[in-house]
Each structure stands twice: as C-alpha cells, then as structure tokens.
C-alpha cells in the first residue's frame, strides 16, 4: 500500500492535515517562486537566493541519471523537504516555508555518492518555518525492529495457545463457547497487524478472506480464522470445523517456526503505524470484513493495540523527530475512549450496523483524525540515503 510520491515536506503536522500525510504537496502557488534549481553532474543547485516565507523551488535534473534532491540544514544534515526519483531532464516543485537560517541542497545521483551544494543563509522571514527532520537510516531503526520482533514472537506464542484452545472447544464445547474461543484467537492475530507483510503466505492461510476465490466462502482454499468465523455464525456445527482448526494450528506452528528467519523491512514499521488503522477504517468500520460474528468493533480495538505496539517501538526514533508526536498519544487515547463507550456492560461489542448515525460519525471522525496525525510517521521514518 505504500505510495511513492515525488515531493515531501518533512515533519509538519499542518501539512499532514492539508495533504493527507506529509506526502504530495507538489503543486499550487506560493509567495516565492525562483528560477529552476539545476542539478547536474558534479553540482547540486549552484548559487541561489531566496526570501523567507512560503516558497516553491523548481528542481530540475540536468544530469543523465535519476536524482534524489534534499534541502537540508547543512549544520545537522536534517531534511526540510525532498524530491525523489527525479528523472533526467524533468522539473518538479519543492514547496516549504523558509525561516531564517542556513540551507543547502544535497543531491544523491543514481549509483553515485551524495553531493552538497553551497550553503545559503536566509536573513528575513519567519523565525519558524517547515521543520527539519534528522534522516532515518537502517541503523537508527535497528533497535525498533529488534523490539518489534520480540513482541511479535510473544504474540505468536499467545496465538498458538489460544488456537489450541479453540481446537479443543470446537470438538467438545457448546456453540457459545466455540464462538468465544474463536474471538479470543482472532483478536490475538489482529494485534499482530504490523507483521502482515512479513508473514507471507501464512497471512492468507491464517486469516485470509474469501474475496477472489472461485467458490467464495465455500471454496476449499478459504481457510483459517475467517473460515471458522463463517461456519460458527452460519449454522455449521462446531465439531464440523475441527479439521479447519487443525489446519489453522498447523499453519500457526509453521509461522512460529518460520518467523525467526523472515526478514522485516525497516520501512514497514513506520508505514504500518498508519496502515493498520487505515485498513480498520476501510474494512472493519464498514463491516466489509465481517463473516457473521459482528465483532468488527472488537477487531478495531485489537488494531489499536497493534498500532500501539508499533508506536512503542518507534518512540525513540520519533519523539525527537516528529513535532506532532504528542498528538498521537492524545488521539490514540480519545479513540480508545470513544470505542470503549460503545461496549456493552457485559464486555460484548455491538455490531457496527447497530450504531446510530451520531455514534458512527463520532467514531469514524476520531479514527480519521488519528490517521491524520499518524500519517507523518511513514514519511519521517522512511529510510533515506545520507551519503
């Protein structure tokens, strides 16, 4: 789901709201637009001048290869804005607000080392402009990835335990007990949301949907937790689903064995901070993913847990880079509170379809605003070249 967008003004929560993330502010007018800043072989921007305030640089690649161009603080190498994948002979805008301070362009030609242009000092304009963000590299994210893997490993142990309980319950328990055991195992898996890309084929086997299968919900390739959900809430005897649960147990055990050797892309963690709840908004709060249990709100609550797991391991990276980091905790709390207010006194959750218009609007609004403040994490945490 990652989208590559050419220009990024890094680290501004305001731009996140205006542009739906920190990505994509590439057009429009501004109070200052200078002649093209040209990048060519051995040079990066040349001599340029600008006034403080909103400004659009026209970045032109005069080289024969693809270029990446950052506007940096030359003292710290922190990045104000960037243009990625700039093809030869093309020009694209770079928008930001220039404050008083020092700036320089840094170019990263394809298959060559970085080149830094001359330092330019802005002496007028606002004292605060677009924030500069220290670039993130693989080494910076390494500790976060290790912490994340430790948590996922523990989560898989819990999942395996609860899937075994589900298998036993299906063989000898009541329908109500089987449904409760299913929900426990399902929520275990939903809390591992950041890992879905890492899990590979195991993800579909364990929690795949019937979408796209020739036989739909009756297709033999529809397996795992969602298949058991469909059966338990569509009149199938719990014992008839025991074979499906046995296969689920085998798949979970296979994932446990494979996970230590599966590679985690460091970029996945910042990206999943937004994507887990984006998927929840799209598939759970619309009830699209429901296979009969009507437990979508419980799933969203588990998705919040999965998002928090990502935020916890990213805190050392983000708290010094993202100026809106405190807003993340605030909107996580507000969304949890709103979701909890919908829960029944006995701990069960109402179906999404039972919510009235005001309840749905409030919950969707809170999740939407939370997504806005989460969106910059992907841009800030994107691994960048630094040399």
Protein backbone atom coordinates (compact mmCIF):
# COMPACT_ATOMS: atom_id res chain seq x y z
CA UNK A 1 0.00 0.00 0.00
CA UNK A 2 2.96 2.26 0.13
CA UNK A 3 2.65 5.07 -2.38
CA UNK A 4 5.71 6.74 -3.81
CA UNK A 5 5.13 10.46 -4.08
CA UNK A 6 7.77 12.75 -5.51
CA UNK A 7 7.87 15.62 -3.05
CA UNK A 8 7.74 15.58 0.72
CA UNK A 9 7.83 18.48 3.16
CA UNK A 10 9.06 16.62 6.18
CA UNK A 11 7.87 16.87 9.77
CA UNK A 12 4.91 19.25 9.61
CA UNK A 13 1.62 18.19 11.16
CA UNK A 14 -0.10 21.09 9.40
CA UNK A 15 0.99 19.80 6.02
CA UNK A 16 -0.15 16.36 7.11
CA UNK A 17 -3.67 17.69 7.56
CA UNK A 18 -3.59 19.64 4.30
CA UNK A 19 -2.11 16.86 2.19
CA UNK A 20 -3.47 13.75 3.94
CA UNK A 21 0.05 12.86 5.08
CA UNK A 22 3.40 14.55 4.76
CA UNK A 23 3.36 13.43 1.12
CA UNK A 24 2.11 15.00 -2.03
CA UNK A 25 2.35 18.78 -1.61
CA UNK A 26 3.73 19.32 -5.11
CA UNK A 27 1.50 21.87 -6.74
CA UNK A 28 -0.19 25.19 -6.18
CA UNK A 29 1.20 28.66 -5.85
CA UNK A 30 3.33 30.31 -3.18
CA UNK A 31 4.59 33.77 -2.34
CA UNK A 32 8.06 33.00 -3.69
CA UNK A 33 8.99 31.06 -6.83
CA UNK A 34 12.53 31.29 -8.15
CA UNK A 35 14.13 30.16 -11.37
CA UNK A 36 14.86 26.45 -11.64
CA UNK A 37 17.46 24.98 -9.30
CA UNK A 38 19.51 22.76 -11.60
CA UNK A 39 21.18 19.52 -10.53
CA UNK A 40 23.87 18.24 -12.86
CA UNK A 41 26.97 16.07 -12.90
CA UNK A 42 29.23 17.17 -10.07
CA UNK A 43 26.98 20.04 -8.97
CA UNK A 44 23.99 20.40 -6.70
CA UNK A 45 21.94 23.54 -7.11
CA UNK A 46 24.67 26.07 -7.68
CA UNK A 47 24.31 29.58 -6.26
CA UNK A 48 20.79 30.63 -5.37
CA UNK A 49 18.95 33.19 -3.25
CA UNK A 50 15.52 33.32 -1.69
CA UNK A 51 13.45 35.27 0.81
CA UNK A 52 11.90 33.75 3.88
CA UNK A 53 8.29 32.63 3.88
CA UNK A 54 6.32 30.17 1.73
CA UNK A 55 8.45 29.22 -1.23
CA UNK A 56 8.42 26.89 -4.22
CA UNK A 57 11.71 25.72 -5.66
CA UNK A 58 11.60 24.31 -9.17
CA UNK A 59 14.04 21.41 -9.07
CA UNK A 60 15.46 20.40 -12.45
CA UNK A 61 17.58 17.34 -13.16
CA UNK A 62 20.18 18.31 -15.74
CA UNK A 63 22.08 15.04 -15.32
CA UNK A 64 21.86 11.83 -17.34
CA UNK A 65 20.63 9.68 -14.45
CA UNK A 66 17.81 9.73 -11.90
CA UNK A 67 18.42 12.02 -8.95
CA UNK A 68 17.11 12.50 -5.41
CA UNK A 69 17.31 16.01 -4.02
CA UNK A 70 17.01 17.11 -0.39
CA UNK A 71 17.00 20.60 1.07
CA UNK A 72 18.94 20.27 4.31
CA UNK A 73 20.26 22.11 7.31
CA UNK A 74 23.99 21.97 6.49
CA UNK A 75 24.92 22.01 10.19
CA UNK A 76 22.96 18.89 11.12
CA UNK A 77 22.01 17.26 7.76
CA UNK A 78 18.37 17.40 8.90
CA UNK A 79 15.96 17.41 5.93
CA UNK A 80 13.47 20.21 5.26
CA UNK A 81 11.98 18.79 2.05
CA UNK A 82 12.84 16.37 -0.72
CA UNK A 83 12.13 15.39 -4.30
CA UNK A 84 12.53 11.70 -5.04
CA UNK A 85 13.14 9.82 -8.29
CA UNK A 86 13.69 12.94 -10.40
CA UNK A 87 14.20 11.67 -13.95
CA UNK A 88 16.74 13.25 -16.33
CA UNK A 89 15.52 16.44 -17.96
CA UNK A 90 12.47 16.79 -15.72
CA UNK A 91 11.49 19.57 -13.32
CA UNK A 92 9.32 19.22 -10.23
CA UNK A 93 8.33 21.66 -7.48
CA UNK A 94 9.54 21.54 -3.90
CA UNK A 95 7.34 23.52 -1.52
CA UNK A 96 8.10 24.61 2.03
CA UNK A 97 8.21 27.62 4.31
CA UNK A 98 11.70 29.08 4.64
CA UNK A 99 12.62 30.53 8.02
CA UNK A 100 15.74 32.46 8.98
CA UNK A 101 18.67 30.08 8.95
CA UNK A 102 21.07 28.11 6.79
CA UNK A 103 20.08 25.86 3.88
CA UNK A 104 21.82 23.75 1.28
CA UNK A 105 20.74 21.32 -1.41
CA UNK A 106 22.08 17.80 -1.23
CA UNK A 107 21.87 15.59 -4.32
CA UNK A 108 22.02 11.82 -4.45
CA UNK A 109 22.68 10.83 -8.07
CA UNK A 110 21.84 7.29 -9.05
CA UNK A 111 24.79 4.95 -8.41
CA UNK A 112 26.97 7.78 -7.06
CA UNK A 113 27.78 9.42 -3.75
CA UNK A 114 25.93 12.40 -2.35
CA UNK A 115 26.94 15.95 -3.31
CA UNK A 116 26.18 19.01 -1.17
CA UNK A 117 25.73 22.42 -2.76
CA UNK A 118 26.68 25.80 -1.31
CA UNK A 119 25.21 26.99 1.98
CA UNK A 120 22.69 29.82 1.66
CA UNK A 121 21.62 31.92 4.65
CA UNK A 122 18.10 33.32 4.82
CA UNK A 123 18.05 36.52 6.88
CA UNK A 124 14.41 37.57 6.59
CA UNK A 125 11.03 35.95 7.01
CA UNK A 126 9.61 33.99 9.95
CA UNK A 127 11.67 32.61 12.80
CA UNK A 128 9.97 29.23 12.35
CA UNK A 129 9.26 27.53 9.06
CA UNK A 130 8.98 23.96 7.85
CA UNK A 131 10.76 21.85 10.50
CA UNK A 132 13.90 19.98 9.55
CA UNK A 133 13.94 16.30 10.45
CA UNK A 134 17.05 14.23 11.05
CA UNK A 135 17.11 11.48 8.42
CA UNK A 136 16.44 7.90 9.46
CA UNK A 137 18.70 5.11 8.26
CA UNK A 138 18.64 1.35 8.76
CA UNK A 139 20.92 1.57 11.79
CA UNK A 140 18.58 4.01 13.55
CA UNK A 141 15.63 1.65 13.05
CA UNK A 142 17.52 -1.50 14.00
CA UNK A 143 16.66 -1.31 17.71
CA UNK A 144 12.99 -0.72 16.86
CA UNK A 145 12.94 -3.74 14.56
CA UNK A 146 14.50 -5.93 17.26
CA UNK A 147 11.98 -4.80 19.85
CA UNK A 148 9.15 -5.35 17.41
CA UNK A 149 10.32 -8.88 16.60
CA UNK A 150 10.45 -9.72 20.31
CA UNK A 151 6.85 -8.57 20.76
CA UNK A 152 5.62 -10.42 17.68
CA UNK A 153 7.34 -13.60 18.87
CA UNK A 154 5.49 -13.36 22.19
CA UNK A 155 2.26 -12.62 20.36
CA UNK A 156 2.66 -15.74 18.24
CA UNK A 157 3.07 -17.83 21.38
CA UNK A 158 -0.23 -16.46 22.70
CA UNK A 159 -1.89 -17.05 19.33
CA UNK A 160 -0.74 -20.68 19.26
CA UNK A 161 -2.03 -21.22 22.81
CA UNK A 162 -5.45 -19.80 22.04
CA UNK A 163 -5.75 -21.59 18.69
CA UNK A 164 -5.16 -24.88 20.54
CA UNK A 165 -7.93 -23.93 22.99
CA UNK A 166 -10.17 -23.17 20.01
CA UNK A 167 -9.44 -26.61 18.54
CA UNK A 168 -10.38 -28.31 21.80
CA UNK A 169 -13.52 -26.23 22.24
CA UNK A 170 -14.76 -26.96 18.73
CA UNK A 171 -14.51 -30.69 19.44
CA UNK A 172 -16.38 -30.73 22.73
CA UNK A 173 -17.77 -27.33 23.61
CA UNK A 174 -21.03 -25.51 23.01
CA UNK A 175 -21.60 -23.11 20.15
CA UNK A 176 -21.32 -20.14 22.52
CA UNK A 177 -18.02 -21.41 23.95
CA UNK A 178 -16.69 -22.04 20.46
CA UNK A 179 -17.62 -18.54 19.35
CA UNK A 180 -15.90 -17.03 22.40
CA UNK A 181 -12.77 -19.12 21.80
CA UNK A 182 -12.74 -18.06 18.17
CA UNK A 183 -12.91 -14.38 19.08
CA UNK A 184 -10.02 -14.68 21.53
CA UNK A 185 -7.78 -16.28 18.88
CA UNK A 186 -8.90 -13.86 16.19
CA UNK A 187 -8.07 -10.83 18.31
CA UNK A 188 -4.65 -12.33 19.12
CA UNK A 189 -3.90 -12.31 15.42
CA UNK A 190 -5.32 -8.82 14.82
CA UNK A 191 -2.93 -7.41 17.42
CA UNK A 192 -0.05 -8.53 15.17
CA UNK A 193 -1.19 -6.16 12.41
CA UNK A 194 2.21 -4.67 11.70
CA UNK A 195 3.57 -8.04 10.66
CA UNK A 196 1.17 -8.97 7.89
CA UNK A 197 3.62 -8.33 5.07
CA UNK A 198 6.37 -10.25 6.88
CA UNK A 199 4.17 -13.32 7.34
CA UNK A 200 3.94 -14.02 3.61
CA UNK A 201 1.63 -16.90 2.61
CA UNK A 202 0.91 -17.67 6.26
CA UNK A 203 -1.18 -14.49 6.48
CA UNK A 204 -3.77 -15.72 3.98
CA UNK A 205 -3.77 -19.22 5.43
CA UNK A 206 -4.39 -17.97 8.97
CA UNK A 207 -6.72 -15.02 8.43
CA UNK A 208 -7.44 -14.74 4.71
CA UNK A 209 -10.75 -13.56 3.28
CA UNK A 210 -12.85 -15.38 0.66
CA UNK A 211 -12.62 -12.45 -1.74
CA UNK A 212 -11.43 -13.54 -5.17
CA UNK A 213 -11.79 -17.27 -4.53
CA UNK A 214 -13.88 -19.01 -7.22
CA UNK A 215 -16.12 -20.69 -4.66
CA UNK A 216 -16.27 -17.73 -2.28
CA UNK A 217 -16.98 -18.79 1.30
CA UNK A 218 -17.43 -22.39 0.11
CA UNK A 219 -14.09 -22.55 -1.67
CA UNK A 220 -11.72 -25.20 -0.26
CA UNK A 221 -8.95 -22.58 -0.19
CA UNK A 222 -10.95 -20.44 2.24
CA UNK A 223 -9.29 -21.49 5.50
CA UNK A 224 -8.22 -20.23 8.88
CA UNK A 225 -9.89 -17.95 11.37
CA UNK A 226 -12.27 -16.29 8.93
CA UNK A 227 -13.49 -19.67 7.65
CA UNK A 228 -14.21 -20.78 11.21
CA UNK A 229 -16.00 -17.49 11.85
CA UNK A 230 -18.23 -18.05 8.84
CA UNK A 231 -19.10 -21.57 9.93
CA UNK A 232 -19.83 -20.74 13.57
CA UNK A 233 -22.21 -17.92 12.67
CA UNK A 234 -23.88 -19.66 9.72
CA UNK A 235 -25.27 -22.78 11.31
CA UNK A 236 -22.35 -25.19 10.97
CA UNK A 237 -21.79 -27.49 13.93
CA UNK A 238 -18.62 -26.62 15.85
CA UNK A 239 -17.32 -30.20 15.52
CA UNK A 240 -17.59 -29.96 11.72
CA UNK A 241 -14.99 -27.17 11.80
CA UNK A 242 -12.43 -29.17 13.78
CA UNK A 243 -10.45 -30.09 10.65
CA UNK A 244 -10.24 -26.41 9.66
CA UNK A 245 -8.98 -25.60 13.15
CA UNK A 246 -6.41 -28.39 12.96
CA UNK A 247 -5.04 -26.89 9.74
CA UNK A 248 -5.06 -23.48 11.41
CA UNK A 249 -2.97 -24.90 14.26
CA UNK A 250 -0.52 -26.34 11.74
CA UNK A 251 -0.25 -23.00 9.94
CA UNK A 252 0.31 -21.07 13.17
CA UNK A 253 3.01 -23.55 14.21
CA UNK A 254 4.59 -23.16 10.77
CA UNK A 255 4.61 -19.39 11.15
CA UNK A 256 6.21 -19.65 14.58
CA UNK A 257 8.97 -21.79 13.12
CA UNK A 258 9.47 -19.56 10.07
CA UNK A 259 9.29 -16.14 11.74
CA UNK A 260 12.86 -16.10 13.15
CA UNK A 261 14.18 -16.34 9.59
CA UNK A 262 11.68 -13.98 7.96
CA UNK A 263 13.06 -10.57 7.05
CA UNK A 264 11.46 -7.39 8.33
CA UNK A 265 11.87 -4.36 6.09
CA UNK A 266 12.71 -1.46 8.46
CA UNK A 267 10.43 0.79 6.39
CA UNK A 268 7.50 -1.46 7.32
CA UNK A 269 7.32 -0.22 10.91
CA UNK A 270 6.76 3.50 10.18
CA UNK A 271 4.39 2.56 7.37
CA UNK A 272 2.28 0.21 9.48
CA UNK A 273 1.78 2.92 12.12
CA UNK A 274 -0.76 4.35 9.70
CA UNK A 275 -1.82 1.35 7.63
CA UNK A 276 -3.19 -0.87 10.41
CA UNK A 277 -5.93 1.62 11.28
CA UNK A 278 -6.37 2.66 7.67
CA UNK A 279 -7.36 -0.95 6.98
CA UNK A 280 -9.60 -0.94 10.06
CA UNK A 281 -11.42 2.14 8.79
CA UNK A 282 -11.82 0.65 5.33
CA UNK A 283 -12.75 -2.94 6.17
CA UNK A 284 -13.88 -3.14 9.81
CA UNK A 285 -15.81 0.08 10.36
CA UNK A 286 -17.67 -0.56 7.09
CA UNK A 287 -18.36 -4.17 8.21
CA UNK A 288 -16.90 -5.37 4.92
CA UNK A 289 -14.62 -7.93 6.57
CA UNK A 290 -17.34 -9.40 8.80
CA UNK A 291 -18.06 -13.09 8.18
CA UNK A 292 -21.01 -13.28 10.53
CA UNK A 293 -19.67 -12.66 14.05
CA UNK A 294 -20.45 -8.89 14.03
CA UNK A 295 -17.32 -8.32 16.13
CA UNK A 296 -15.78 -5.61 13.95
CA UNK A 297 -15.54 -3.16 16.84
CA UNK A 298 -13.59 -5.71 18.89
CA UNK A 299 -11.26 -6.06 15.92
CA UNK A 300 -10.76 -2.30 15.73
CA UNK A 301 -9.87 -2.31 19.43
CA UNK A 302 -7.27 -5.03 18.76
CA UNK A 303 -5.99 -2.99 15.83
CA UNK A 304 -5.43 -0.10 18.21
CA UNK A 305 -3.34 -2.48 20.33
CA UNK A 306 -1.36 -3.45 17.23
CA UNK A 307 -0.82 0.19 16.35
CA UNK A 308 0.33 0.94 19.89
CA UNK A 309 2.89 -1.86 19.61
CA UNK A 310 4.38 -0.11 16.60
CA UNK A 311 4.31 3.29 18.30
CA UNK A 312 6.02 1.90 21.39
CA UNK A 313 9.00 0.57 19.46
CA UNK A 314 9.21 3.70 17.30
CA UNK A 315 9.12 6.15 20.21
CA UNK A 316 12.93 6.54 20.46
CA UNK A 317 13.05 7.38 16.74
CA UNK A 318 10.00 9.62 16.50
CA UNK A 319 9.84 11.63 19.70
CA UNK A 320 12.84 13.76 18.67
CA UNK A 321 11.85 13.99 15.00
CA UNK A 322 8.07 14.40 14.80
CA UNK A 323 6.85 17.71 16.17
CA UNK A 324 3.31 16.33 16.42
CA UNK A 325 4.28 13.22 18.39
CA UNK A 326 2.30 14.26 21.47
CA UNK A 327 -0.85 14.49 19.34
CA UNK A 328 -0.51 10.80 18.50
CA UNK A 329 -0.91 9.74 22.13
CA UNK A 330 -3.77 12.21 22.57
CA UNK A 331 -5.77 10.88 19.61
CA UNK A 332 -4.99 7.26 20.45
CA UNK A 333 -6.49 7.89 23.88
CA UNK A 334 -9.51 9.75 22.52
CA UNK A 335 -10.22 6.99 20.00
CA UNK A 336 -9.91 4.28 22.65
CA UNK A 337 -12.26 6.18 24.94
CA UNK A 338 -14.85 6.61 22.21
CA UNK A 339 -14.62 2.94 21.26
CA UNK A 340 -14.89 1.83 24.91
CA UNK A 341 -18.04 3.95 25.34
CA UNK A 342 -19.77 1.75 22.77
CA UNK A 343 -19.01 -1.51 24.57
CA UNK A 344 -21.80 -3.25 26.46
CA UNK A 345 -21.65 -3.61 30.23
CA UNK A 346 -21.08 -7.38 29.90
CA UNK A 347 -17.95 -6.77 27.77
CA UNK A 348 -19.50 -7.66 24.43
CA UNK A 349 -19.49 -5.32 21.45
CA UNK A 350 -22.45 -4.16 19.38
CA UNK A 351 -22.42 -4.76 15.63
CA UNK A 352 -21.27 -1.77 13.62
CA UNK A 353 -24.69 -1.75 11.97
CA UNK A 354 -26.35 -1.20 15.37
CA UNK A 355 -24.63 2.14 15.91
CA UNK A 356 -26.75 5.20 15.26
CA UNK A 357 -25.64 7.91 12.87
CA UNK A 358 -24.09 10.13 15.55
CA UNK A 359 -22.12 7.23 17.06
CA UNK A 360 -20.76 6.19 13.67
CA UNK A 361 -19.88 9.76 12.75
CA UNK A 362 -18.05 10.30 16.05
CA UNK A 363 -16.09 7.05 15.83
CA UNK A 364 -15.22 7.50 12.17
CA UNK A 365 -14.21 11.09 12.86
CA UNK A 366 -11.90 10.09 15.72
CA UNK A 367 -10.27 7.32 13.69
CA UNK A 368 -9.94 9.68 10.72
CA UNK A 369 -8.22 12.35 12.83
CA UNK A 370 -5.97 9.72 14.40
CA UNK A 371 -4.96 8.64 10.90
CA UNK A 372 -4.08 12.24 10.08
CA UNK A 373 -1.64 12.50 12.98
CA UNK A 374 -0.23 9.02 12.31
CA UNK A 375 0.38 9.67 8.61
CA UNK A 376 3.61 11.72 9.01
CA UNK A 377 5.33 8.80 10.76
CA UNK A 378 5.74 6.96 7.46
CA UNK A 379 7.38 9.97 5.81
CA UNK A 380 9.63 10.80 8.74
CA UNK A 381 10.63 7.18 9.29
CA UNK A 382 11.32 6.46 5.62
CA UNK A 383 14.89 5.21 5.33
CA UNK A 384 16.90 7.78 3.36
CA UNK A 385 20.31 7.98 1.84
CA UNK A 386 22.74 10.04 3.87
CA UNK A 387 25.88 9.68 1.75
